[in-house]
Amino acid sequence: MSQNLTIALSKGRIFEETLPLLAAAGIEPAENPESSRKLIIATNHEHIRLVIVRATDVPTYVQYGAADFGIAGKDVLIEHGGEGLYQPLDLQIAACKMMVAVRQGFDYAAASRAGNRLRVATKYPNIAAAHFAKKGVHVDIIKLYGSMELAPLVGLSDAIVDLVSTGGTLKANGLQAVEHIEDISSRLVVNKAALKTKHALLEPIIQAFASAI
């Protein structure tokens, strides 16, 4: 019985930057997920397929074995907790920074002294809570799913914790990054059971990715 491999990927920047790595491993998707409506995409290998999921769901699909391996941002992995996952490679793609940002003119240094309380809007409650706990700052975390930049402008929060690549969106909305939390890039994540049962199939792909970085 031949074994099959399933790779979990998300659309957008991570997928685009993963294509050269897949090519290095000799894997080519049969369709472009950006233009296809299919969620399961065949490749040039009969036994390898891609499943297209939300970026935040990649670790879950891999953890529970619905995918053998996948590619996920370090931000997503920290929030997920990385349970049941082997993370052999930092692929050094989709690089950005996790930052604290505030309205221009807001005195963040004074507001973020130990013992003070801040309202922080973010998609990343675990990362934000851990960061401010280290500083001894009490935080009320407001979970948002989009348009973080709006929160400080309308008084919903004092600060935001979000991914920043160029800083252009912050600047356009009158915000500024004031504190660096973590450098973020995408990681290869592998299901621990698959690593044992499908080692012969997985190992050459992991090695090809490592050589291509």
N, C-alpha and C. Protein backbone atom coordinates (compact mmCIF):
# COMPACT_ATOMS: atom_id res chain seq x y z
N MET A 1 0.84 -1.19 0.00
CA MET A 1 0.00 0.00 0.00
C MET A 1 0.88 1.25 0.00
N SER A 2 0.70 2.10 -1.00
CA SER A 2 1.56 3.30 -1.07
C SER A 2 1.07 4.35 -0.09
N GLN A 3 2.02 5.07 0.50
CA GLN A 3 1.67 6.12 1.46
C GLN A 3 1.46 7.45 0.75
N ASN A 4 0.54 8.22 1.27
CA ASN A 4 0.29 9.55 0.72
C ASN A 4 0.78 10.61 1.69
N LEU A 5 1.13 11.76 1.15
CA LEU A 5 1.57 12.90 1.96
C LEU A 5 0.63 14.07 1.71
N THR A 6 0.22 14.72 2.80
CA THR A 6 -0.63 15.91 2.69
C THR A 6 0.10 17.09 3.31
N ILE A 7 0.18 18.18 2.55
CA ILE A 7 0.86 19.39 3.00
C ILE A 7 -0.18 20.49 3.22
N ALA A 8 -0.20 21.08 4.42
CA ALA A 8 -1.14 22.18 4.72
C ALA A 8 -0.46 23.51 4.45
N LEU A 9 -1.09 24.33 3.61
CA LEU A 9 -0.56 25.65 3.27
C LEU A 9 -1.68 26.68 3.32
N SER A 10 -1.30 27.93 3.51
CA SER A 10 -2.30 29.01 3.44
C SER A 10 -2.02 29.86 2.20
N LYS A 11 -3.06 30.52 1.71
CA LYS A 11 -2.91 31.39 0.53
C LYS A 11 -2.08 32.63 0.87
N GLY A 12 -1.73 33.37 -0.17
CA GLY A 12 -1.06 34.66 0.05
C GLY A 12 0.45 34.55 0.08
N ARG A 13 1.05 35.43 0.89
CA ARG A 13 2.50 35.59 0.88
C ARG A 13 3.25 34.29 1.20
N ILE A 14 2.76 33.56 2.22
CA ILE A 14 3.45 32.32 2.60
C ILE A 14 3.44 31.34 1.44
N PHE A 15 2.30 31.21 0.76
CA PHE A 15 2.22 30.25 -0.35
C PHE A 15 3.20 30.65 -1.46
N GLU A 16 3.18 31.94 -1.81
CA GLU A 16 4.07 32.42 -2.90
C GLU A 16 5.54 32.16 -2.57
N GLU A 17 5.91 32.41 -1.30
CA GLU A 17 7.31 32.23 -0.92
C GLU A 17 7.67 30.77 -0.67
N THR A 18 6.64 29.91 -0.58
CA THR A 18 6.88 28.48 -0.41
C THR A 18 7.11 27.78 -1.76
N LEU A 19 6.56 28.35 -2.85
CA LEU A 19 6.65 27.71 -4.17
C LEU A 19 8.09 27.33 -4.55
N PRO A 20 9.07 28.24 -4.37
CA PRO A 20 10.45 27.85 -4.72
C PRO A 20 10.98 26.69 -3.86
N LEU A 21 10.52 26.62 -2.60
CA LEU A 21 10.96 25.51 -1.73
C LEU A 21 10.35 24.20 -2.20
N LEU A 22 9.06 24.25 -2.57
CA LEU A 22 8.41 23.04 -3.10
C LEU A 22 9.11 22.60 -4.39
N ALA A 23 9.44 23.58 -5.24
CA ALA A 23 10.12 23.28 -6.51
C ALA A 23 11.47 22.60 -6.24
N ALA A 24 12.17 23.09 -5.20
CA ALA A 24 13.47 22.49 -4.86
C ALA A 24 13.31 21.03 -4.44
N ALA A 25 12.12 20.71 -3.88
CA ALA A 25 11.84 19.33 -3.48
C ALA A 25 11.16 18.55 -4.62
N GLY A 26 11.06 19.20 -5.79
CA GLY A 26 10.48 18.54 -6.95
C GLY A 26 8.96 18.45 -6.92
N ILE A 27 8.33 19.34 -6.13
CA ILE A 27 6.86 19.31 -6.00
C ILE A 27 6.26 20.53 -6.69
N GLU A 28 5.34 20.29 -7.61
CA GLU A 28 4.66 21.39 -8.31
C GLU A 28 3.16 21.24 -8.17
N PRO A 29 2.47 22.28 -7.66
CA PRO A 29 1.00 22.21 -7.57
C PRO A 29 0.39 22.17 -8.96
N ALA A 30 -0.70 21.40 -9.10
CA ALA A 30 -1.38 21.30 -10.39
C ALA A 30 -2.16 22.57 -10.71
N GLU A 31 -2.53 23.34 -9.66
CA GLU A 31 -3.29 24.58 -9.86
C GLU A 31 -2.78 25.64 -8.90
N ASN A 32 -3.06 26.89 -9.23
CA ASN A 32 -2.73 28.01 -8.34
C ASN A 32 -3.92 28.22 -7.39
N PRO A 33 -3.69 28.08 -6.07
CA PRO A 33 -4.82 28.23 -5.12
C PRO A 33 -5.42 29.63 -5.11
N GLU A 34 -4.64 30.62 -5.59
CA GLU A 34 -5.17 31.99 -5.62
C GLU A 34 -6.30 32.10 -6.64
N SER A 35 -6.20 31.31 -7.73
CA SER A 35 -7.24 31.40 -8.76
C SER A 35 -8.21 30.21 -8.71
N SER A 36 -7.78 29.11 -8.09
CA SER A 36 -8.65 27.92 -8.00
C SER A 36 -9.55 28.02 -6.77
N ARG A 37 -10.73 27.44 -6.87
CA ARG A 37 -11.63 27.39 -5.71
C ARG A 37 -11.46 26.10 -4.92
N LYS A 38 -10.63 25.22 -5.43
CA LYS A 38 -10.44 23.93 -4.75
C LYS A 38 -9.64 24.12 -3.46
N LEU A 39 -10.00 23.33 -2.47
CA LEU A 39 -9.30 23.37 -1.19
C LEU A 39 -8.28 22.24 -1.08
N ILE A 40 -8.43 21.22 -1.94
CA ILE A 40 -7.44 20.15 -2.02
C ILE A 40 -6.86 20.19 -3.43
N ILE A 41 -5.56 20.39 -3.52
CA ILE A 41 -4.91 20.58 -4.83
C ILE A 41 -3.89 19.48 -5.06
N ALA A 42 -4.02 18.83 -6.22
CA ALA A 42 -3.08 17.76 -6.59
C ALA A 42 -1.72 18.37 -6.94
N THR A 43 -0.71 17.53 -6.97
CA THR A 43 0.62 17.98 -7.41
C THR A 43 1.10 17.03 -8.52
N ASN A 44 2.33 17.26 -8.99
CA ASN A 44 2.89 16.39 -10.02
C ASN A 44 3.28 15.01 -9.48
N HIS A 45 3.09 14.80 -8.17
CA HIS A 45 3.30 13.47 -7.56
C HIS A 45 1.94 12.90 -7.16
N GLU A 46 1.68 11.70 -7.61
CA GLU A 46 0.37 11.08 -7.34
C GLU A 46 0.09 10.98 -5.84
N HIS A 47 1.16 10.81 -5.04
CA HIS A 47 0.97 10.56 -3.59
C HIS A 47 1.11 11.83 -2.74
N ILE A 48 1.29 13.00 -3.37
CA ILE A 48 1.44 14.24 -2.59
C ILE A 48 0.33 15.22 -2.98
N ARG A 49 -0.37 15.74 -1.99
CA ARG A 49 -1.42 16.74 -2.27
C ARG A 49 -1.28 17.90 -1.29
N LEU A 50 -1.83 19.03 -1.68
CA LEU A 50 -1.85 20.22 -0.83
C LEU A 50 -3.27 20.44 -0.32
N VAL A 51 -3.40 20.83 0.95
CA VAL A 51 -4.70 21.31 1.44
C VAL A 51 -4.54 22.78 1.77
N ILE A 52 -5.48 23.58 1.29
CA ILE A 52 -5.40 25.03 1.47
C ILE A 52 -6.30 25.43 2.64
N VAL A 53 -5.69 25.93 3.71
CA VAL A 53 -6.43 26.27 4.93
C VAL A 53 -6.05 27.68 5.38
N ARG A 54 -6.79 28.20 6.32
CA ARG A 54 -6.44 29.50 6.92
C ARG A 54 -5.09 29.38 7.61
N ALA A 55 -4.30 30.44 7.55
CA ALA A 55 -2.95 30.41 8.17
C ALA A 55 -3.02 29.95 9.63
N THR A 56 -4.03 30.44 10.36
CA THR A 56 -4.13 30.12 11.79
C THR A 56 -4.51 28.66 12.04
N ASP A 57 -5.02 27.97 10.99
CA ASP A 57 -5.44 26.58 11.15
C ASP A 57 -4.36 25.56 10.78
N VAL A 58 -3.28 26.01 10.16
CA VAL A 58 -2.23 25.07 9.71
C VAL A 58 -1.73 24.18 10.87
N PRO A 59 -1.35 24.75 12.04
CA PRO A 59 -0.84 23.88 13.12
C PRO A 59 -1.86 22.85 13.58
N THR A 60 -3.14 23.22 13.57
CA THR A 60 -4.20 22.30 14.02
C THR A 60 -4.33 21.12 13.07
N TYR A 61 -4.33 21.39 11.75
CA TYR A 61 -4.41 20.31 10.76
C TYR A 61 -3.23 19.36 10.91
N VAL A 62 -2.04 19.93 11.15
CA VAL A 62 -0.84 19.09 11.28
C VAL A 62 -0.85 18.34 12.62
N GLN A 63 -1.21 19.02 13.69
CA GLN A 63 -1.22 18.40 15.02
C GLN A 63 -2.11 17.15 15.05
N TYR A 64 -3.29 17.25 14.42
CA TYR A 64 -4.25 16.14 14.49
C TYR A 64 -4.10 15.15 13.33
N GLY A 65 -3.06 15.35 12.49
CA GLY A 65 -2.76 14.37 11.46
C GLY A 65 -3.59 14.48 10.19
N ALA A 66 -4.40 15.54 10.07
CA ALA A 66 -5.15 15.75 8.82
C ALA A 66 -4.18 16.18 7.72
N ALA A 67 -3.04 16.73 8.13
CA ALA A 67 -1.93 17.01 7.20
C ALA A 67 -0.67 16.45 7.86
N ASP A 68 0.24 15.95 7.03
CA ASP A 68 1.48 15.39 7.57
C ASP A 68 2.48 16.48 7.95
N PHE A 69 2.49 17.53 7.14
CA PHE A 69 3.32 18.68 7.49
C PHE A 69 2.73 19.93 6.86
N GLY A 70 3.25 21.07 7.28
CA GLY A 70 2.71 22.33 6.77
C GLY A 70 3.70 23.44 7.02
N ILE A 71 3.30 24.64 6.61
CA ILE A 71 4.16 25.81 6.80
C ILE A 71 3.33 26.88 7.50
N ALA A 72 3.85 27.35 8.64
CA ALA A 72 3.10 28.31 9.45
C ALA A 72 4.05 29.35 10.01
N GLY A 73 3.53 30.57 10.18
CA GLY A 73 4.31 31.65 10.77
C GLY A 73 4.58 31.40 12.24
N LYS A 74 5.71 31.90 12.72
CA LYS A 74 6.06 31.73 14.13
C LYS A 74 4.99 32.36 15.03
N ASP A 75 4.35 33.44 14.55
CA ASP A 75 3.28 34.09 15.32
C ASP A 75 2.13 33.11 15.58
N VAL A 76 1.74 32.40 14.52
CA VAL A 76 0.64 31.43 14.62
C VAL A 76 1.04 30.28 15.55
N LEU A 77 2.29 29.84 15.45
CA LEU A 77 2.76 28.72 16.27
C LEU A 77 2.83 29.08 17.75
N ILE A 78 3.25 30.31 18.05
CA ILE A 78 3.30 30.74 19.46
C ILE A 78 1.88 30.78 20.02
N GLU A 79 0.94 31.34 19.26
CA GLU A 79 -0.45 31.40 19.72
C GLU A 79 -1.04 30.01 19.90
N HIS A 80 -0.70 29.11 18.98
CA HIS A 80 -1.23 27.74 19.00
C HIS A 80 -0.64 26.95 20.16
N GLY A 81 0.62 27.24 20.47
CA GLY A 81 1.32 26.52 21.54
C GLY A 81 2.27 25.44 21.00
N GLY A 82 2.12 25.12 19.69
CA GLY A 82 3.04 24.18 19.06
C GLY A 82 2.94 22.74 19.56
N GLU A 83 1.83 22.42 20.24
CA GLU A 83 1.68 21.09 20.84
C GLU A 83 1.60 20.00 19.76
N GLY A 84 2.30 18.90 19.98
CA GLY A 84 2.24 17.76 19.06
C GLY A 84 2.93 18.01 17.73
N LEU A 85 3.73 19.07 17.65
CA LEU A 85 4.36 19.42 16.38
C LEU A 85 5.88 19.37 16.50
N TYR A 86 6.52 18.89 15.44
CA TYR A 86 7.97 18.94 15.33
C TYR A 86 8.27 20.11 14.39
N GLN A 87 9.19 21.00 14.80
CA GLN A 87 9.50 22.19 13.99
C GLN A 87 10.97 22.13 13.57
N PRO A 88 11.28 21.37 12.51
CA PRO A 88 12.69 21.17 12.17
C PRO A 88 13.38 22.35 11.52
N LEU A 89 12.62 23.24 10.85
CA LEU A 89 13.28 24.27 10.06
C LEU A 89 12.61 25.64 10.18
N ASP A 90 13.44 26.67 10.36
CA ASP A 90 13.00 28.04 10.13
C ASP A 90 13.25 28.29 8.65
N LEU A 91 12.18 28.46 7.87
CA LEU A 91 12.32 28.58 6.42
C LEU A 91 12.77 29.97 5.98
N GLN A 92 12.78 30.91 6.94
CA GLN A 92 13.24 32.29 6.67
C GLN A 92 12.46 32.94 5.53
N ILE A 93 11.16 32.64 5.46
CA ILE A 93 10.28 33.30 4.49
C ILE A 93 9.19 34.05 5.23
N ALA A 94 8.51 34.96 4.51
CA ALA A 94 7.43 35.77 5.08
C ALA A 94 7.90 36.46 6.37
N ALA A 95 9.09 37.05 6.32
CA ALA A 95 9.68 37.66 7.53
C ALA A 95 9.02 39.00 7.85
N CYS A 96 8.78 39.22 9.13
CA CYS A 96 8.26 40.50 9.62
C CYS A 96 8.55 40.58 11.12
N LYS A 97 8.00 41.57 11.78
CA LYS A 97 8.26 41.73 13.22
C LYS A 97 6.94 41.87 13.97
N MET A 98 6.89 41.28 15.17
CA MET A 98 5.75 41.50 16.05
C MET A 98 6.09 42.73 16.89
N MET A 99 5.23 43.75 16.81
CA MET A 99 5.54 45.04 17.45
C MET A 99 4.35 45.54 18.27
N VAL A 100 4.67 46.41 19.21
CA VAL A 100 3.65 47.22 19.88
C VAL A 100 3.60 48.55 19.13
N ALA A 101 2.40 49.01 18.81
CA ALA A 101 2.25 50.31 18.14
C ALA A 101 1.18 51.14 18.85
N VAL A 102 1.35 52.47 18.79
CA VAL A 102 0.42 53.40 19.44
C VAL A 102 0.18 54.60 18.52
N ARG A 103 -0.79 55.41 18.88
CA ARG A 103 -1.01 56.68 18.16
C ARG A 103 0.23 57.54 18.26
N GLN A 104 0.55 58.26 17.20
CA GLN A 104 1.67 59.20 17.27
C GLN A 104 1.35 60.24 18.34
N GLY A 105 2.34 60.52 19.17
CA GLY A 105 2.13 61.50 20.24
C GLY A 105 1.73 60.87 21.56
N PHE A 106 1.36 59.59 21.57
CA PHE A 106 0.99 58.90 22.81
C PHE A 106 2.26 58.58 23.59
N ASP A 107 2.28 58.91 24.88
CA ASP A 107 3.49 58.71 25.69
C ASP A 107 3.55 57.26 26.17
N TYR A 108 4.05 56.39 25.30
CA TYR A 108 4.05 54.96 25.61
C TYR A 108 5.01 54.64 26.76
N ALA A 109 6.14 55.32 26.80
CA ALA A 109 7.14 55.05 27.86
C ALA A 109 6.51 55.23 29.24
N ALA A 110 5.73 56.31 29.40
CA ALA A 110 5.09 56.56 30.69
C ALA A 110 3.94 55.58 30.93
N ALA A 111 3.16 55.32 29.87
CA ALA A 111 1.97 54.48 30.01
C ALA A 111 2.32 53.01 30.28
N SER A 112 3.53 52.59 29.85
CA SER A 112 3.87 51.16 29.97
C SER A 112 4.84 50.87 31.10
N ARG A 113 4.86 51.78 32.11
CA ARG A 113 5.71 51.50 33.28
C ARG A 113 5.10 50.36 34.10
N ALA A 114 5.96 49.62 34.79
CA ALA A 114 5.49 48.50 35.62
C ALA A 114 4.42 48.99 36.59
N GLY A 115 3.36 48.21 36.72
CA GLY A 115 2.27 48.55 37.63
C GLY A 115 1.12 49.28 36.96
N ASN A 116 1.38 49.87 35.79
CA ASN A 116 0.32 50.57 35.06
C ASN A 116 -0.60 49.57 34.36
N ARG A 117 -1.76 50.09 33.90
CA ARG A 117 -2.72 49.25 33.17
C ARG A 117 -2.93 49.81 31.77
N LEU A 118 -2.88 48.93 30.78
CA LEU A 118 -3.06 49.33 29.38
C LEU A 118 -4.16 48.49 28.74
N ARG A 119 -4.86 49.11 27.80
CA ARG A 119 -5.79 48.34 26.96
C ARG A 119 -5.09 48.07 25.64
N VAL A 120 -5.01 46.79 25.27
CA VAL A 120 -4.25 46.39 24.09
C VAL A 120 -5.15 45.59 23.15
N ALA A 121 -5.27 46.05 21.91
CA ALA A 121 -6.03 45.31 20.90
C ALA A 121 -5.08 44.47 20.07
N THR A 122 -5.47 43.23 19.80
CA THR A 122 -4.57 42.34 19.06
C THR A 122 -5.29 41.09 18.56
N LYS A 123 -4.69 40.47 17.53
CA LYS A 123 -5.10 39.13 17.08
C LYS A 123 -4.33 38.08 17.87
N TYR A 124 -3.33 38.52 18.63
CA TYR A 124 -2.37 37.61 19.26
C TYR A 124 -2.39 37.76 20.79
N PRO A 125 -3.49 37.34 21.43
CA PRO A 125 -3.63 37.57 22.88
C PRO A 125 -2.53 36.91 23.72
N ASN A 126 -2.09 35.70 23.33
CA ASN A 126 -1.07 35.01 24.13
C ASN A 126 0.28 35.73 24.06
N ILE A 127 0.65 36.15 22.86
CA ILE A 127 1.92 36.87 22.67
C ILE A 127 1.88 38.20 23.43
N ALA A 128 0.76 38.92 23.29
CA ALA A 128 0.63 40.23 23.94
C ALA A 128 0.65 40.08 25.47
N ALA A 129 -0.11 39.13 25.98
CA ALA A 129 -0.18 38.95 27.44
C ALA A 129 1.19 38.59 28.01
N ALA A 130 1.92 37.70 27.33
CA ALA A 130 3.24 37.28 27.82
C ALA A 130 4.23 38.44 27.80
N HIS A 131 4.16 39.26 26.74
CA HIS A 131 5.08 40.39 26.61
C HIS A 131 4.87 41.39 27.75
N PHE A 132 3.62 41.77 28.01
CA PHE A 132 3.37 42.78 29.04
C PHE A 132 3.54 42.22 30.45
N ALA A 133 3.31 40.91 30.61
CA ALA A 133 3.54 40.29 31.92
C ALA A 133 5.02 40.39 32.30
N LYS A 134 5.90 40.20 31.30
CA LYS A 134 7.35 40.32 31.54
C LYS A 134 7.72 41.72 32.01
N LYS A 135 6.98 42.70 31.50
CA LYS A 135 7.27 44.10 31.85
C LYS A 135 6.59 44.52 33.16
N GLY A 136 5.72 43.63 33.69
CA GLY A 136 4.99 43.97 34.92
C GLY A 136 3.85 44.95 34.68
N VAL A 137 3.36 44.99 33.43
CA VAL A 137 2.25 45.89 33.07
C VAL A 137 0.95 45.09 33.04
N HIS A 138 -0.09 45.61 33.69
CA HIS A 138 -1.40 44.96 33.65
C HIS A 138 -2.07 45.32 32.33
N VAL A 139 -2.64 44.32 31.66
CA VAL A 139 -3.29 44.62 30.38
C VAL A 139 -4.69 44.05 30.30
N ASP A 140 -5.56 44.83 29.68
CA ASP A 140 -6.86 44.32 29.26
C ASP A 140 -6.71 44.03 27.78
N ILE A 141 -6.78 42.76 27.41
CA ILE A 141 -6.60 42.36 26.01
C ILE A 141 -7.94 42.39 25.29
N ILE A 142 -7.98 43.10 24.18
CA ILE A 142 -9.18 43.15 23.35
C ILE A 142 -8.87 42.38 22.07
N LYS A 143 -9.55 41.23 21.88
CA LYS A 143 -9.27 40.37 20.70
C LYS A 143 -10.00 40.93 19.49
N LEU A 144 -9.23 41.25 18.46
CA LEU A 144 -9.80 41.69 17.19
C LEU A 144 -9.32 40.76 16.08
N TYR A 145 -10.04 40.76 14.97
CA TYR A 145 -9.68 39.87 13.86
C TYR A 145 -9.18 40.65 12.64
N GLY A 146 -9.29 41.96 12.64
CA GLY A 146 -8.82 42.74 11.50
C GLY A 146 -8.77 44.22 11.85
N SER A 147 -8.14 45.00 10.97
CA SER A 147 -8.04 46.47 11.12
C SER A 147 -7.61 46.89 12.52
N MET A 148 -6.50 46.31 12.98
CA MET A 148 -5.96 46.67 14.31
C MET A 148 -5.73 48.18 14.44
N GLU A 149 -5.28 48.79 13.33
CA GLU A 149 -4.87 50.20 13.36
C GLU A 149 -6.00 51.12 13.82
N LEU A 150 -7.24 50.67 13.61
CA LEU A 150 -8.38 51.51 13.96
C LEU A 150 -8.55 51.65 15.47
N ALA A 151 -8.18 50.60 16.21
CA ALA A 151 -8.49 50.54 17.65
C ALA A 151 -7.99 51.76 18.46
N PRO A 152 -6.70 52.16 18.31
CA PRO A 152 -6.24 53.32 19.08
C PRO A 152 -6.85 54.63 18.58
N LEU A 153 -7.21 54.66 17.30
CA LEU A 153 -7.73 55.91 16.71
C LEU A 153 -9.12 56.25 17.21
N VAL A 154 -9.90 55.22 17.55
CA VAL A 154 -11.28 55.47 18.01
C VAL A 154 -11.42 55.27 19.52
N GLY A 155 -10.28 55.08 20.21
CA GLY A 155 -10.31 54.98 21.66
C GLY A 155 -10.65 53.60 22.20
N LEU A 156 -10.66 52.59 21.32
CA LEU A 156 -10.93 51.22 21.79
C LEU A 156 -9.76 50.69 22.62
N SER A 157 -8.53 51.10 22.24
CA SER A 157 -7.36 50.62 22.97
C SER A 157 -6.30 51.71 23.05
N ASP A 158 -5.34 51.52 23.98
CA ASP A 158 -4.19 52.42 24.08
C ASP A 158 -3.12 52.04 23.07
N ALA A 159 -3.02 50.73 22.83
CA ALA A 159 -1.95 50.20 21.98
C ALA A 159 -2.47 49.00 21.20
N ILE A 160 -1.71 48.60 20.18
CA ILE A 160 -1.99 47.36 19.48
C ILE A 160 -0.73 46.51 19.46
N VAL A 161 -0.90 45.20 19.36
CA VAL A 161 0.22 44.29 19.11
C VAL A 161 -0.10 43.62 17.79
N ASP A 162 0.78 43.80 16.80
CA ASP A 162 0.49 43.29 15.47
C ASP A 162 1.78 43.04 14.70
N LEU A 163 1.64 42.33 13.58
CA LEU A 163 2.78 42.11 12.69
C LEU A 163 3.04 43.37 11.88
N VAL A 164 4.31 43.71 11.74
CA VAL A 164 4.70 44.88 10.94
C VAL A 164 5.77 44.43 9.95
N SER A 165 5.54 44.72 8.67
CA SER A 165 6.62 44.41 7.71
C SER A 165 7.31 45.70 7.29
N THR A 166 6.59 46.62 6.63
CA THR A 166 7.24 47.88 6.22
C THR A 166 6.89 49.04 7.16
N GLY A 167 5.77 48.94 7.86
CA GLY A 167 5.33 50.05 8.72
C GLY A 167 4.49 51.06 7.98
N GLY A 168 4.27 50.83 6.68
CA GLY A 168 3.51 51.78 5.85
C GLY A 168 2.07 51.97 6.31
N THR A 169 1.40 50.87 6.69
CA THR A 169 0.00 50.95 7.13
C THR A 169 -0.11 51.72 8.44
N LEU A 170 0.85 51.48 9.35
CA LEU A 170 0.86 52.22 10.62
C LEU A 170 0.96 53.72 10.34
N LYS A 171 1.95 54.07 9.54
CA LYS A 171 2.22 55.48 9.24
C LYS A 171 1.01 56.16 8.59
N ALA A 172 0.39 55.45 7.64
CA ALA A 172 -0.76 56.00 6.92
C ALA A 172 -1.93 56.28 7.87
N ASN A 173 -1.95 55.57 9.01
CA ASN A 173 -3.05 55.74 9.96
C ASN A 173 -2.64 56.49 11.23
N GLY A 174 -1.49 57.18 11.14
CA GLY A 174 -1.07 58.02 12.27
C GLY A 174 -0.59 57.25 13.48
N LEU A 175 -0.10 56.02 13.24
CA LEU A 175 0.43 55.21 14.34
C LEU A 175 1.93 55.04 14.18
N GLN A 176 2.59 54.64 15.27
CA GLN A 176 4.02 54.35 15.18
C GLN A 176 4.35 53.11 16.02
N ALA A 177 5.31 52.32 15.53
CA ALA A 177 5.78 51.16 16.29
C ALA A 177 6.70 51.65 17.39
N VAL A 178 6.46 51.17 18.62
CA VAL A 178 7.24 51.69 19.75
C VAL A 178 8.03 50.60 20.49
N GLU A 179 7.72 49.34 20.20
CA GLU A 179 8.44 48.28 20.93
C GLU A 179 8.45 47.00 20.10
N HIS A 180 9.63 46.39 20.02
CA HIS A 180 9.81 45.15 19.28
C HIS A 180 9.58 43.98 20.23
N ILE A 181 8.72 43.04 19.82
CA ILE A 181 8.47 41.86 20.67
C ILE A 181 9.22 40.64 20.16
N GLU A 182 9.12 40.38 18.87
CA GLU A 182 9.65 39.12 18.34
C GLU A 182 9.87 39.24 16.83
N ASP A 183 10.97 38.66 16.33
CA ASP A 183 11.13 38.51 14.88
C ASP A 183 10.32 37.29 14.44
N ILE A 184 9.58 37.46 13.37
CA ILE A 184 8.68 36.40 12.91
C ILE A 184 9.09 35.95 11.51
N SER A 185 9.10 34.63 11.31
CA SER A 185 9.25 34.07 9.96
C SER A 185 8.46 32.76 9.94
N SER A 186 8.41 32.11 8.79
CA SER A 186 7.61 30.89 8.69
C SER A 186 8.45 29.64 8.95
N ARG A 187 7.82 28.67 9.60
CA ARG A 187 8.50 27.42 9.99
C ARG A 187 7.86 26.23 9.29
N LEU A 188 8.68 25.22 9.09
CA LEU A 188 8.15 23.93 8.65
C LEU A 188 7.67 23.20 9.91
N VAL A 189 6.43 22.73 9.89
CA VAL A 189 5.92 21.97 11.04
C VAL A 189 5.49 20.59 10.55
N VAL A 190 5.86 19.57 11.33
CA VAL A 190 5.64 18.19 10.92
C VAL A 190 4.88 17.46 12.03
N ASN A 191 3.91 16.66 11.63
CA ASN A 191 3.18 15.82 12.58
C ASN A 191 4.15 14.76 13.14
N LYS A 192 4.19 14.63 14.46
CA LYS A 192 5.19 13.75 15.09
C LYS A 192 5.00 12.29 14.71
N ALA A 193 3.75 11.84 14.59
CA ALA A 193 3.49 10.44 14.20
C ALA A 193 3.93 10.21 12.75
N ALA A 194 3.62 11.19 11.87
CA ALA A 194 3.98 11.06 10.45
C ALA A 194 5.50 11.00 10.29
N LEU A 195 6.21 11.69 11.16
CA LEU A 195 7.68 11.70 11.07
C LEU A 195 8.24 10.29 11.25
N LYS A 196 7.53 9.48 12.06
CA LYS A 196 7.97 8.09 12.26
C LYS A 196 7.45 7.18 11.15
N THR A 197 6.14 7.28 10.88
CA THR A 197 5.52 6.32 9.96
C THR A 197 5.82 6.63 8.49
N LYS A 198 6.09 7.90 8.18
CA LYS A 198 6.35 8.29 6.78
C LYS A 198 7.73 8.92 6.61
N HIS A 199 8.65 8.48 7.45
CA HIS A 199 9.98 9.09 7.48
C HIS A 199 10.67 9.07 6.12
N ALA A 200 10.55 7.95 5.42
CA ALA A 200 11.23 7.80 4.12
C ALA A 200 10.71 8.80 3.08
N LEU A 201 9.44 9.17 3.20
CA LEU A 201 8.85 10.15 2.28
C LEU A 201 9.17 11.58 2.71
N LEU A 202 9.12 11.80 4.02
CA LEU A 202 9.28 13.17 4.55
C LEU A 202 10.72 13.66 4.54
N GLU A 203 11.64 12.77 4.89
CA GLU A 203 13.04 13.20 5.07
C GLU A 203 13.64 13.86 3.83
N PRO A 204 13.44 13.30 2.60
CA PRO A 204 14.02 13.97 1.42
C PRO A 204 13.43 15.38 1.20
N ILE A 205 12.15 15.56 1.54
CA ILE A 205 11.52 16.89 1.38
C ILE A 205 12.11 17.87 2.38
N ILE A 206 12.26 17.42 3.63
CA ILE A 206 12.85 18.29 4.67
C ILE A 206 14.28 18.68 4.26
N GLN A 207 15.04 17.70 3.76
CA GLN A 207 16.42 17.98 3.33
C GLN A 207 16.46 18.96 2.15
N ALA A 208 15.52 18.78 1.20
CA ALA A 208 15.47 19.68 0.03
C ALA A 208 15.13 21.10 0.46
N PHE A 209 14.20 21.22 1.39
CA PHE A 209 13.84 22.56 1.94
C PHE A 209 15.06 23.18 2.61
N ALA A 210 15.76 22.37 3.43
CA ALA A 210 16.93 22.88 4.16
C ALA A 210 18.00 23.38 3.21
N SER A 211 18.22 22.64 2.12
CA SER A 211 19.24 23.04 1.14
C SER A 211 18.84 24.29 0.38
N ALA A 212 17.51 24.48 0.21
CA ALA A 212 17.02 25.61 -0.61
C ALA A 212 16.96 26.94 0.17
N ILE A 213 17.02 26.84 1.49
CA ILE A 213 16.90 28.07 2.30
C ILE A 213 18.10 29.00 2.02
